[in-house]
């Protein structure tokens, strides 16, 4: 069997199920997968994983990282020990995540050994960002030596094309999660807890950091609260902006409406989806946004930001969700009021969302994108 190394940053609850499925799909193609992680985790990640969740061969490097002093969200992985591992494993092909230091090492490895590599990328264009010229040249160099590319979705594909990559070298492995888990566990809890005279519940799930700009949601909640009282917002997550958000809630007398629940593990999230009437997915920038996959798989209708890459591949506007700009607070408030007054109007939307994810964004579909990239790299 041909040996395939997949190099990425850390194991986490949404990638491990994908690698389990990818491992099974590769075996069918007579390919042996080994996943190389730079680190077991880092300080900003709160999730827990059990070793029995890994059904694929893997190795974790020494975990060396550098954190940005200017941006608490940025952590750079050094991939110490990767060069030694490459010499030991002598893979037939390499899949490497993004444009990291690992990708630079894999590029050099190709120069010396001729080993083909595939870049797995989620990068998308960011409006009003002037790319550093050295960064742009580095990415174009890495792309010029790659044999194929596998991307999260359409926005990531467009980004590569802008950087000179031919369309016929790119496959899409839709960025997704264990959709079966979110669908089945939420449905089970929803059936056990039928809503009777409970308030309409909106949900925000994500990190509470400046980039997410959750304050926009709270300002909209404040608008809605002036005319409606029978609703609440569940905020699930932690982050550096939490204190500021809690202060706003307190100062605007929203404590009876807005509830902060802190970080929740994957197994705890379906309980929130089960009582949710809609997800409010606000962000000022996300290359994807897997919370959208999770909520849609659970049959929760979503108002999804135009600033998230996932919106363009998953949301069919007005059919399985809404593609929205959260800066237009009056528009969001009007949609929320409509849901509060007529929740039955979005129930069908939730059903359409669940069906779309089950059909188009499951783990097998994603894994096949990687297999197709392997074939392009022959």
Foldseek 3Di string as FASTA:
>chain_A
DAEEEEEDAEDDQFVQVLVLLLQVVVVVVVYAYEYEHLAHDDDQDDADDDPVSHPHHYDYHPNDWDADPVDRVDIAGDSPPVVVVCVVPVGQEYEYEDLHVVLVVVLVVCVVPVRAYEYEYLDADDPPDDDDPVVLVSVLVSLVRHLAYEYQDDRRLVRVVVSPHDSVRYFYLHREGQLVVLAVLLVVLLVVCPDDLAAAEEEEEDEQDVQQVCVLVVVLVLVLVVPDDRYAYEYEEYYDCVVVSVVVCVVSVNPVHYDYDYHDYPSPPSNVLSRHLEYERGGNAASADHVLNSSLLNLHAYAHEPRHNNCVVQDPDPAQYHYDHSVPSVVVSVVVVCCRVCSVSCSRSSVVSSVSCVPQPHSNSSSVRVVVSVVSSD
